[in-house]
PDB file of N, CA and C in Angstrom:
ATOM      1  N   MET A   1      38.663  92.203 189.180  1.00  0.00           N
ATOM      2  CA  MET A   1      36.951  93.736 188.359  1.00  0.00           C
ATOM      3  C   MET A   1      35.689  92.702 187.834  1.00  0.00           C
ATOM      4  N   ALA A   2      34.919  93.243 187.929  1.00  0.00           N
ATOM      5  CA  ALA A   2      33.995  92.807 187.615  1.00  0.00           C
ATOM      6  C   ALA A   2      32.671  94.264 186.556  1.00  0.00           C
ATOM      7  N   LYS A   3      32.090  93.574 185.579  1.00  0.00           N
ATOM      8  CA  LYS A   3      31.841  93.799 184.586  1.00  0.00           C
ATOM      9  C   LYS A   3      30.444  94.041 184.099  1.00  0.00           C
ATOM     10  N   MET A   4      29.941  94.738 184.309  1.00  0.00           N
ATOM     11  CA  MET A   4      28.117  94.388 183.308  1.00  0.00           C
ATOM     12  C   MET A   4      27.868  95.526 182.489  1.00  0.00           C
ATOM     13  N   GLU A   5      27.104  95.311 181.442  1.00  0.00           N
ATOM     14  CA  GLU A   5      26.871  96.195 180.445  1.00  0.00           C
ATOM     15  C   GLU A   5      25.425  95.804 179.829  1.00  0.00           C
ATOM     16  N   ARG A   6      24.304  97.069 179.571  1.00  0.00           N
ATOM     17  CA  ARG A   6      23.242  97.005 179.390  1.00  0.00           C
ATOM     18  C   ARG A   6      22.702  97.784 178.533  1.00  0.00           C
ATOM     19  N   MET A   7      22.368  97.573 178.052  1.00  0.00           N
ATOM     20  CA  MET A   7      21.193  98.523 177.181  1.00  0.00           C
ATOM     21  C   MET A   7      19.626  98.994 177.674  1.00  0.00           C
ATOM     22  N   LEU A   8      19.173 100.214 177.616  1.00  0.00           N
ATOM     23  CA  LEU A   8      18.161 100.422 178.261  1.00  0.00           C
ATOM     24  C   LEU A   8      17.481 101.750 177.531  1.00  0.00           C
ATOM     25  N   THR A   9      16.327 101.410 177.543  1.00  0.00           N
ATOM     26  CA  THR A   9      15.211 102.771 177.003  1.00  0.00           C
ATOM     27  C   THR A   9      14.839 103.389 178.823  1.00  0.00           C
ATOM     28  N   GLY A  10      14.182 104.571 177.808  1.00  0.00           N
ATOM     29  CA  GLY A  10      13.655 105.156 179.163  1.00  0.00           C
ATOM     30  C   GLY A  10      14.362 106.901 179.273  1.00  0.00           C
ATOM     31  N   ASP A  11      14.146 107.235 180.219  1.00  0.00           N
ATOM     32  CA  ASP A  11      14.619 108.991 180.389  1.00  0.00           C
ATOM     33  C   ASP A  11      15.989 109.274 180.788  1.00  0.00           C
ATOM     34  N   PHE A  12      17.200 109.221 179.695  1.00  0.00           N
ATOM     35  CA  PHE A  12      19.037 109.656 180.105  1.00  0.00           C
ATOM     36  C   PHE A  12      19.066 110.421 181.664  1.00  0.00           C
ATOM     37  N   ASP A  13      18.360 111.550 182.345  1.00  0.00           N
ATOM     38  CA  ASP A  13      18.194 111.521 183.319  1.00  0.00           C
ATOM     39  C   ASP A  13      18.389 111.395 184.638  1.00  0.00           C
ATOM     40  N   LEU A  14      16.649 110.593 184.040  1.00  0.00           N
ATOM     41  CA  LEU A  14      16.464 109.948 185.090  1.00  0.00           C
ATOM     42  C   LEU A  14      17.159 108.349 185.789  1.00  0.00           C
ATOM     43  N   ILE A  15      17.287 108.194 184.622  1.00  0.00           N
ATOM     44  CA  ILE A  15      18.288 106.866 185.012  1.00  0.00           C
ATOM     45  C   ILE A  15      19.718 106.933 185.752  1.00  0.00           C
ATOM     46  N   LEU A  16      20.156 108.321 185.260  1.00  0.00           N
ATOM     47  CA  LEU A  16      21.496 109.053 185.904  1.00  0.00           C
ATOM     48  C   LEU A  16      21.499 108.963 187.319  1.00  0.00           C
ATOM     49  N   SER A  17      20.456 109.630 187.646  1.00  0.00           N
ATOM     50  CA  SER A  17      19.602 110.308 189.229  1.00  0.00           C
ATOM     51  C   SER A  17      19.978 109.380 190.217  1.00  0.00           C
ATOM     52  N   ASN A  18      18.814 107.914 188.666  1.00  0.00           N
ATOM     53  CA  ASN A  18      18.945 106.855 190.137  1.00  0.00           C
ATOM     54  C   ASN A  18      20.025 105.821 190.120  1.00  0.00           C
ATOM     55  N   ILE A  19      20.211 105.780 189.561  1.00  0.00           N
ATOM     56  CA  ILE A  19      22.166 105.130 189.843  1.00  0.00           C
ATOM     57  C   ILE A  19      22.726 106.359 190.588  1.00  0.00           C
ATOM     58  N   GLU A  20      23.137 107.293 190.831  1.00  0.00           N
ATOM     59  CA  GLU A  20      23.655 108.213 191.721  1.00  0.00           C
ATOM     60  C   GLU A  20      23.064 107.754 192.939  1.00  0.00           C
ATOM     61  N   HIS A  21      21.905 108.448 193.171  1.00  0.00           N
ATOM     62  CA  HIS A  21      21.248 108.328 194.402  1.00  0.00           C
ATOM     63  C   HIS A  21      21.319 106.751 195.253  1.00  0.00           C
ATOM     64  N   GLY A  22      20.759 105.726 193.658  1.00  0.00           N
ATOM     65  CA  GLY A  22      20.339 103.717 194.646  1.00  0.00           C
ATOM     66  C   GLY A  22      21.920 103.609 195.188  1.00  0.00           C
ATOM     67  N   ILE A  23      23.010 103.917 194.326  1.00  0.00           N
ATOM     68  CA  ILE A  23      24.337 103.819 194.906  1.00  0.00           C
ATOM     69  C   ILE A  23      25.110 104.463 196.398  1.00  0.00           C
ATOM     70  N   MET A  24      24.515 106.046 196.701  1.00  0.00           N
ATOM     71  CA  MET A  24      24.714 106.362 197.287  1.00  0.00           C
ATOM     72  C   MET A  24      24.495 106.123 198.625  1.00  0.00           C
ATOM     73  N   LYS A  25      23.023 105.255 198.570  1.00  0.00           N
ATOM     74  CA  LYS A  25      21.900 105.040 199.319  1.00  0.00           C
ATOM     75  C   LYS A  25      22.176 103.825 199.917  1.00  0.00           C
ATOM     76  N   GLY A  26      23.035 102.258 198.980  1.00  0.00           N
ATOM     77  CA  GLY A  26      23.479 101.424 199.156  1.00  0.00           C
ATOM     78  C   GLY A  26      24.426 101.059 199.994  1.00  0.00           C
ATOM     79  N   SER A  27      25.539 102.313 200.862  1.00  0.00           N
ATOM     80  CA  SER A  27      26.061 102.030 201.016  1.00  0.00           C
ATOM     81  C   SER A  27      26.504 103.410 202.573  1.00  0.00           C
ATOM     82  N   VAL A  28      26.976 102.969 203.560  1.00  0.00           N
ATOM     83  CA  VAL A  28      27.257 104.175 204.436  1.00  0.00           C
ATOM     84  C   VAL A  28      28.266 104.799 203.892  1.00  0.00           C
ATOM     85  N   SER A  29      29.309 103.634 203.190  1.00  0.00           N
ATOM     86  CA  SER A  29      30.644 104.375 202.744  1.00  0.00           C
ATOM     87  C   SER A  29      30.738 105.225 201.450  1.00  0.00           C
ATOM     88  N   ALA A  30      29.547 104.436 201.024  1.00  0.00           N
ATOM     89  CA  ALA A  30      29.818 105.767 199.209  1.00  0.00           C
ATOM     90  C   ALA A  30      29.934 106.027 199.227  1.00  0.00           C
ATOM     91  N   SER A  31      30.918 107.008 198.239  1.00  0.00           N
ATOM     92  CA  SER A  31      30.547 108.178 197.965  1.00  0.00           C
ATOM     93  C   SER A  31      30.850 108.942 196.309  1.00  0.00           C
ATOM     94  N   LEU A  32      30.476 109.978 195.620  1.00  0.00           N
ATOM     95  CA  LEU A  32      30.449 109.634 194.550  1.00  0.00           C
ATOM     96  C   LEU A  32      31.919 110.711 194.499  1.00  0.00           C
ATOM     97  N   GLU A  33      33.136 109.858 193.504  1.00  0.00           N
ATOM     98  CA  GLU A  33      34.411 110.556 193.320  1.00  0.00           C
ATOM     99  C   GLU A  33      34.104 112.009 192.880  1.00  0.00           C
ATOM    100  N   ASP A  34      33.953 111.802 191.404  1.00  0.00           N
ATOM    101  CA  ASP A  34      33.865 112.471 190.019  1.00  0.00           C
ATOM    102  C   ASP A  34      32.917 111.880 189.125  1.00  0.00           C
ATOM    103  N   GLY A  35      32.555 113.143 188.544  1.00  0.00           N
ATOM    104  CA  GLY A  35      31.703 112.799 187.249  1.00  0.00           C
ATOM    105  C   GLY A  35      31.867 113.753 185.926  1.00  0.00           C
ATOM    106  N   SER A  36      31.369 113.345 184.693  1.00  0.00           N
ATOM    107  CA  SER A  36      31.670 113.504 183.345  1.00  0.00           C
ATOM    108  C   SER A  36      30.416 113.882 182.645  1.00  0.00           C
ATOM    109  N   ASP A  37      30.283 115.066 182.241  1.00  0.00           N
ATOM    110  CA  ASP A  37      29.086 115.005 180.809  1.00  0.00           C
ATOM    111  C   ASP A  37      29.267 115.934 179.783  1.00  0.00           C
ATOM    112  N   PHE A  38      29.071 115.023 178.880  1.00  0.00           N
ATOM    113  CA  PHE A  38      29.174 115.309 176.776  1.00  0.00           C
ATOM    114  C   PHE A  38      27.701 115.583 176.355  1.00  0.00           C
ATOM    115  N   ILE A  39      27.700 116.418 175.323  1.00  0.00           N
ATOM    116  CA  ILE A  39      26.571 116.267 174.811  1.00  0.00           C
ATOM    117  C   ILE A  39      27.295 116.895 173.421  1.00  0.00           C
ATOM    118  N   SER A  40      27.157 116.357 172.528  1.00  0.00           N
ATOM    119  CA  SER A  40      27.758 116.153 171.065  1.00  0.00           C
ATOM    120  C   SER A  40      26.851 115.587 169.923  1.00  0.00           C
ATOM    121  N   ASP A  41      26.497 117.080 168.795  1.00  0.00           N
ATOM    122  CA  ASP A  41      25.403 116.357 168.458  1.00  0.00           C
ATOM    123  C   ASP A  41      24.306 115.093 167.961  1.00  0.00           C
ATOM    124  N   GLY A  42      23.518 115.686 169.096  1.00  0.00           N
ATOM    125  CA  GLY A  42      22.846 114.895 169.625  1.00  0.00           C
ATOM    126  C   GLY A  42      22.590 113.320 169.947  1.00  0.00           C
ATOM    127  N   CYS A  43      23.942 113.533 170.900  1.00  0.00           N
ATOM    128  CA  CYS A  43      24.937 111.761 171.763  1.00  0.00           C
ATOM    129  C   CYS A  43      24.826 112.814 173.102  1.00  0.00           C
ATOM    130  N   ARG A  44      24.520 111.449 173.980  1.00  0.00           N
ATOM    131  CA  ARG A  44      24.807 111.468 175.331  1.00  0.00           C
ATOM    132  C   ARG A  44      26.272 110.995 175.687  1.00  0.00           C
ATOM    133  N   CYS A  45      26.660 111.600 176.634  1.00  0.00           N
ATOM    134  CA  CYS A  45      27.698 110.336 177.432  1.00  0.00           C
ATOM    135  C   CYS A  45      28.076 110.931 178.854  1.00  0.00           C
ATOM    136  N   SER A  46      27.545 110.324 180.098  1.00  0.00           N
ATOM    137  CA  SER A  46      27.724 110.751 181.300  1.00  0.00           C
ATOM    138  C   SER A  46      28.567 109.477 181.993  1.00  0.00           C
ATOM    139  N   VAL A  47      29.740 110.073 182.586  1.00  0.00           N
ATOM    140  CA  VAL A  47      31.169 108.791 184.044  1.00  0.00           C
ATOM    141  C   VAL A  47      30.415 109.066 184.860  1.00  0.00           C
ATOM    142  N   ARG A  48      30.279 108.235 185.517  1.00  0.00           N
ATOM    143  CA  ARG A  48      30.087 108.147 187.627  1.00  0.00           C
ATOM    144  C   ARG A  48      31.225 107.446 187.952  1.00  0.00           C
ATOM    145  N   VAL A  49      31.944 107.757 188.959  1.00  0.00           N
ATOM    146  CA  VAL A  49      33.184 107.229 189.527  1.00  0.00           C
ATOM    147  C   VAL A  49      33.040 107.368 191.328  1.00  0.00           C
ATOM    148  N   PHE A  50      31.825 106.273 191.861  1.00  0.00           N
ATOM    149  CA  PHE A  50      31.747 105.361 192.999  1.00  0.00           C
ATOM    150  C   PHE A  50      33.208 105.138 193.885  1.00  0.00           C
ATOM    151  N   GLU A  51      32.835 105.241 194.615  1.00  0.00           N
ATOM    152  CA  GLU A  51      34.134 104.667 195.839  1.00  0.00           C
ATOM    153  C   GLU A  51      33.272 104.043 196.916  1.00  0.00           C
ATOM    154  N   ARG A  52      33.689 103.058 197.921  1.00  0.00           N
ATOM    155  CA  ARG A  52      32.893 102.787 199.176  1.00  0.00           C
ATOM    156  C   ARG A  52      33.895 101.374 199.290  1.00  0.00           C
ATOM    157  N   TYR A  53      33.884 101.663 200.812  1.00  0.00           N
ATOM    158  CA  TYR A  53      34.253 100.780 202.159  1.00  0.00           C
ATOM    159  C   TYR A  53      34.171  99.571 201.722  1.00  0.00           C
ATOM    160  N   SER A  54      35.251  98.028 201.567  1.00  0.00           N
ATOM    161  CA  SER A  54      34.361  96.727 201.236  1.00  0.00           C
ATOM    162  C   SER A  54      34.717  96.459 202.989  1.00  0.00           C
ATOM    163  N   ALA A  55      33.469  95.777 203.705  1.00  0.00           N
ATOM    164  CA  ALA A  55      34.694  94.829 205.227  1.00  0.00           C
ATOM    165  C   ALA A  55      34.702  94.158 204.649  1.00  0.00           C
ATOM    166  N   LEU A  56      34.294  92.675 203.899  1.00  0.00           N
ATOM    167  CA  LEU A  56      34.917  91.921 203.818  1.00  0.00           C
ATOM    168  C   LEU A  56      35.825  92.106 203.281  1.00  0.00           C
ATOM    169  N   GLY A  57      37.056  92.945 202.498  1.00  0.00           N
ATOM    170  CA  GLY A  57      38.161  92.590 202.191  1.00  0.00           C
ATOM    171  C   GLY A  57      38.800  93.723 202.854  1.00  0.00           C
ATOM    172  N   SER A  58      38.632  94.281 203.350  1.00  0.00           N
ATOM    173  CA  SER A  58      39.517  95.024 204.312  1.00  0.00           C
ATOM    174  C   SER A  58      39.600  96.780 203.360  1.00  0.00           C
ATOM    175  N   ASN A  59      39.154  96.627 202.387  1.00  0.00           N
ATOM    176  CA  ASN A  59      39.843  97.505 201.567  1.00  0.00           C
ATOM    177  C   ASN A  59      39.196  98.951 200.861  1.00  0.00           C
ATOM    178  N   ARG A  60      39.254  99.493 199.853  1.00  0.00           N
ATOM    179  CA  ARG A  60      37.965 100.247 198.945  1.00  0.00           C
ATOM    180  C   ARG A  60      37.718  99.741 197.887  1.00  0.00           C
ATOM    181  N   VAL A  61      36.589 100.020 197.565  1.00  0.00           N
ATOM    182  CA  VAL A  61      36.192  99.330 195.649  1.00  0.00           C
ATOM    183  C   VAL A  61      35.967 100.541 194.959  1.00  0.00           C
ATOM    184  N   SER A  62      35.828 100.506 193.699  1.00  0.00           N
ATOM    185  CA  SER A  62      35.414 101.726 192.989  1.00  0.00           C
ATOM    186  C   SER A  62      34.717 101.020 191.765  1.00  0.00           C
ATOM    187  N   LEU A  63      33.568 101.987 191.181  1.00  0.00           N
ATOM    188  CA  LEU A  63      32.714 101.151 190.613  1.00  0.00           C
ATOM    189  C   LEU A  63      32.527 102.815 189.793  1.00  0.00           C
ATOM    190  N   SER A  64      33.126 102.115 188.414  1.00  0.00           N
ATOM    191  CA  SER A  64      33.171 103.587 187.314  1.00  0.00           C
ATOM    192  C   SER A  64      31.461 103.404 186.498  1.00  0.00           C
ATOM    193  N   VAL A  65      31.032 104.033 186.377  1.00  0.00           N
ATOM    194  CA  VAL A  65      29.922 103.675 185.334  1.00  0.00           C
ATOM    195  C   VAL A  65      29.472 105.229 184.524  1.00  0.00           C
ATOM    196  N   THR A  66      29.127 104.539 183.070  1.00  0.00           N
ATOM    197  CA  THR A  66      29.516 104.933 181.240  1.00  0.00           C
ATOM    198  C   THR A  66      28.108 104.774 181.446  1.00  0.00           C
ATOM    199  N   LEU A  67      27.264 106.043 180.970  1.00  0.00           N
ATOM    200  CA  LEU A  67      26.013 106.136 180.253  1.00  0.00           C
ATOM    201  C   LEU A  67      26.276 106.542 179.098  1.00  0.00           C
ATOM    202  N   PHE A  68      25.637 106.133 177.664  1.00  0.00           N
ATOM    203  CA  PHE A  68      26.048 106.683 176.019  1.00  0.00           C
ATOM    204  C   PHE A  68      24.446 106.532 175.463  1.00  0.00           C
ATOM    205  N   GLN A  69      23.857 107.800 174.951  1.00  0.00           N
ATOM    206  CA  GLN A  69      22.837 107.142 174.428  1.00  0.00           C
ATOM    207  C   GLN A  69      22.974 108.345 173.367  1.00  0.00           C
ATOM    208  N   GLY A  70      23.092 107.316 171.707  1.00  0.00           N
ATOM    209  CA  GLY A  70      23.115 108.074 170.441  1.00  0.00           C
ATOM    210  C   GLY A  70      22.067 108.319 169.876  1.00  0.00           C
ATOM    211  N   LYS A  71      21.919 108.992 168.783  1.00  0.00           N
ATOM    212  CA  LYS A  71      21.397 109.407 168.383  1.00  0.00           C
ATOM    213  C   LYS A  71      19.496 108.791 168.328  1.00  0.00           C
ATOM    214  N   ASP A  72      19.410 107.248 168.247  1.00  0.00           N
ATOM    215  CA  ASP A  72      18.385 105.686 168.775  1.00  0.00           C
ATOM    216  C   ASP A  72      18.022 106.182 169.779  1.00  0.00           C
ATOM    217  N   GLY A  73      18.057 106.797 170.917  1.00  0.00           N
ATOM    218  CA  GLY A  73      18.015 106.945 172.185  1.00  0.00           C
ATOM    219  C   GLY A  73      17.910 105.807 172.675  1.00  0.00           C
ATOM    220  N   ILE A  74      18.292 104.840 172.207  1.00  0.00           N
ATOM    221  CA  ILE A  74      18.988 103.648 172.877  1.00  0.00           C
ATOM    222  C   ILE A  74      20.189 104.172 173.889  1.00  0.00           C
ATOM    223  N   ILE A  75      20.001 103.458 175.388  1.00  0.00           N
ATOM    224  CA  ILE A  75      21.398 104.379 176.219  1.00  0.00           C
ATOM    225  C   ILE A  75      22.139 103.029 176.580  1.00  0.00           C
ATOM    226  N   HIS A  76      23.707 103.065 176.407  1.00  0.00           N
ATOM    227  CA  HIS A  76      24.250 102.296 176.804  1.00  0.00           C
ATOM    228  C   HIS A  76      25.092 101.932 177.889  1.00  0.00           C
ATOM    229  N   LEU A  77      25.435 100.745 178.897  1.00  0.00           N
ATOM    230  CA  LEU A  77      25.572 101.055 179.855  1.00  0.00           C
ATOM    231  C   LEU A  77      26.704 100.632 179.821  1.00  0.00           C
ATOM    232  N   SER A  78      27.596 101.023 180.709  1.00  0.00           N
ATOM    233  CA  SER A  78      29.051 100.481 181.313  1.00  0.00           C
ATOM    234  C   SER A  78      29.140  99.981 182.491  1.00  0.00           C
ATOM    235  N   ALA A  79      29.520  99.345 183.531  1.00  0.00           N
ATOM    236  CA  ALA A  79      29.704  99.520 184.557  1.00  0.00           C
ATOM    237  C   ALA A  79      31.018  98.805 185.146  1.00  0.00           C
ATOM    238  N   ILE A  80      32.002  98.674 185.547  1.00  0.00           N
ATOM    239  CA  ILE A  80      33.675  98.063 185.693  1.00  0.00           C
ATOM    240  C   ILE A  80      33.618  98.500 187.175  1.00  0.00           C
ATOM    241  N   THR A  81      33.791  97.687 187.919  1.00  0.00           N
ATOM    242  CA  THR A  81      34.281  97.439 188.881  1.00  0.00           C
ATOM    243  C   THR A  81      35.826  97.293 189.670  1.00  0.00           C
ATOM    244  N   SER A  82      36.519  97.754 190.574  1.00  0.00           N
ATOM    245  CA  SER A  82      37.817  97.599 190.564  1.00  0.00           C
ATOM    246  C   SER A  82      38.779  98.075 192.229  1.00  0.00           C
ATOM    247  N   GLY A  83      39.920  97.549 192.417  1.00  0.00           N
ATOM    248  CA  GLY A  83      40.187  97.469 193.660  1.00  0.00           C
ATOM    249  C   GLY A  83      40.305  97.181 194.779  1.00  0.00           C
ATOM    250  N   GLY A  84      39.115  95.830 193.951  1.00  0.00           N
ATOM    251  CA  GLY A  84      38.734  94.371 195.888  1.00  0.00           C
ATOM    252  C   GLY A  84      39.688  93.054 195.745  1.00  0.00           C
ATOM    253  N   SER A  85      41.600  94.151 195.739  1.00  0.00           N
ATOM    254  CA  SER A  85      42.111  92.414 196.259  1.00  0.00           C
ATOM    255  C   SER A  85      43.478  93.253 196.633  1.00  0.00           C
ATOM    256  N   GLN A  86      43.673  92.757 197.613  1.00  0.00           N
ATOM    257  CA  GLN A  86      44.943  92.800 198.630  1.00  0.00           C
ATOM    258  C   GLN A  86      46.587  92.184 197.897  1.00  0.00           C
ATOM    259  N   ALA A  87      45.861  91.328 197.467  1.00  0.00           N
ATOM    260  CA  ALA A  87      47.521  90.422 196.735  1.00  0.00           C
ATOM    261  C   ALA A  87      48.161  91.529 196.053  1.00  0.00           C
ATOM    262  N   VAL A  88      49.148  91.124 196.101  1.00  0.00           N
ATOM    263  CA  VAL A  88      50.411  92.356 194.685  1.00  0.00           C
ATOM    264  C   VAL A  88      50.091  91.668 193.736  1.00  0.00           C
ATOM    265  N   PHE A  89      50.299  90.525 193.097  1.00  0.00           N
ATOM    266  CA  PHE A  89      50.512  90.120 191.409  1.00  0.00           C
ATOM    267  C   PHE A  89      49.353  89.613 191.095  1.00  0.00           C
ATOM    268  N   PHE A  90      48.481  88.839 191.382  1.00  0.00           N
ATOM    269  CA  PHE A  90      47.328  88.431 191.387  1.00  0.00           C
ATOM    270  C   PHE A  90      45.950  88.203 191.547  1.00  0.00           C
ATOM    271  N   LYS A  91      44.730  88.593 191.461  1.00  0.00           N
ATOM    272  CA  LYS A  91      44.047  89.249 192.032  1.00  0.00           C
ATOM    273  C   LYS A  91      42.791  87.702 193.326  1.00  0.00           C
ATOM    274  N   ILE A  92      42.750  88.289 194.227  1.00  0.00           N
ATOM    275  CA  ILE A  92      42.147  87.166 195.605  1.00  0.00           C
ATOM    276  C   ILE A  92      40.933  87.927 195.817  1.00  0.00           C
ATOM    277  N   ASN A  93      40.339  87.668 196.415  1.00  0.00           N
ATOM    278  CA  ASN A  93      39.028  88.481 197.351  1.00  0.00           C
ATOM    279  C   ASN A  93      38.651  89.389 196.870  1.00  0.00           C
ATOM    280  N   THR A  94      37.491  89.191 195.263  1.00  0.00           N
ATOM    281  CA  THR A  94      37.376  89.946 194.532  1.00  0.00           C
ATOM    282  C   THR A  94      34.990  90.396 195.308  1.00  0.00           C
ATOM    283  N   PHE A  95      35.552  89.458 196.375  1.00  0.00           N
ATOM    284  CA  PHE A  95      33.483  89.876 196.642  1.00  0.00           C
ATOM    285  C   PHE A  95      33.018  90.846 196.771  1.00  0.00           C
ATOM    286  N   GLY A  96      33.964  92.177 197.383  1.00  0.00           N
ATOM    287  CA  GLY A  96      33.602  93.974 197.057  1.00  0.00           C
ATOM    288  C   GLY A  96      33.239  93.614 196.087  1.00  0.00           C
ATOM    289  N   GLU A  97      33.688  93.601 194.802  1.00  0.00           N
ATOM    290  CA  GLU A  97      33.869  94.641 194.202  1.00  0.00           C
ATOM    291  C   GLU A  97      32.576  94.120 193.116  1.00  0.00           C
ATOM    292  N   GLN A  98      32.287  92.218 193.524  1.00  0.00           N
ATOM    293  CA  GLN A  98      31.043  91.959 192.928  1.00  0.00           C
ATOM    294  C   GLN A  98      29.587  92.706 193.927  1.00  0.00           C
ATOM    295  N   ALA A  99      30.126  92.436 194.318  1.00  0.00           N
ATOM    296  CA  ALA A  99      28.577  93.167 195.702  1.00  0.00           C
ATOM    297  C   ALA A  99      28.599  94.559 195.103  1.00  0.00           C
ATOM    298  N   PHE A 100      29.513  95.769 194.828  1.00  0.00           N
ATOM    299  CA  PHE A 100      29.370  96.819 194.758  1.00  0.00           C
ATOM    300  C   PHE A 100      28.620  96.175 192.803  1.00  0.00           C
ATOM    301  N   LEU A 101      28.609  95.737 192.167  1.00  0.00           N
ATOM    302  CA  LEU A 101      28.089  96.213 190.715  1.00  0.00           C
ATOM    303  C   LEU A 101      26.393  95.293 191.126  1.00  0.00           C
ATOM    304  N   ASP A 102      26.546  94.458 192.234  1.00  0.00           N
ATOM    305  CA  ASP A 102      25.106  93.884 192.859  1.00  0.00           C
ATOM    306  C   ASP A 102      24.101  94.791 193.232  1.00  0.00           C
ATOM    307  N   LYS A 103      24.724  96.141 193.463  1.00  0.00           N
ATOM    308  CA  LYS A 103      23.652  97.315 194.030  1.00  0.00           C
ATOM    309  C   LYS A 103      23.642  97.721 193.220  1.00  0.00           C
ATOM    310  N   LEU A 104      24.637  98.158 192.030  1.00  0.00           N
ATOM    311  CA  LEU A 104      24.149  98.906 191.022  1.00  0.00           C
ATOM    312  C   LEU A 104      22.776  98.061 190.160  1.00  0.00           C
ATOM    313  N   ALA A 105      22.480  96.460 190.079  1.00  0.00           N
ATOM    314  CA  ALA A 105      22.205  95.249 189.078  1.00  0.00           C
ATOM    315  C   ALA A 105      20.342  95.605 189.793  1.00  0.00           C
ATOM    316  N   GLU A 106      20.959  95.848 191.715  1.00  0.00           N
ATOM    317  CA  GLU A 106      19.556  96.523 191.929  1.00  0.00           C
ATOM    318  C   GLU A 106      18.847  97.116 191.825  1.00  0.00           C
ATOM    319  N   VAL A 107      19.178  98.574 191.831  1.00  0.00           N
ATOM    320  CA  VAL A 107      19.481  99.859 191.254  1.00  0.00           C
ATOM    321  C   VAL A 107      18.740 100.239 189.839  1.00  0.00           C
ATOM    322  N   LEU A 108      18.880  99.282 188.775  1.00  0.00           N
ATOM    323  CA  LEU A 108      18.614  99.530 187.744  1.00  0.00           C
ATOM    324  C   LEU A 108      17.126  98.786 187.386  1.00  0.00           C
TER     325      LEU A 108
END
């Protein structure tokens, strides 16, 4: 598992769109699995779950991205990858997870 947290400023919809398009263009096997959007009392939250094939690990990895914007206008991003290991009891070969997260860092 790899994790990234950031505080961003800017247009919420534009940041979300850039993430979606950037991740999808970043890998031929990338897919947007699902998403949710919430607005309540002046706050916004969007969750997106992406998946792609990791050739290095010979498996699929997922990337969950959450954007939250409070009333102060600051956008909080939390991104967590998972699934990049073939071991049963411990994690080995997590290169695919980190590479997926690195692609998000490029997009941002």
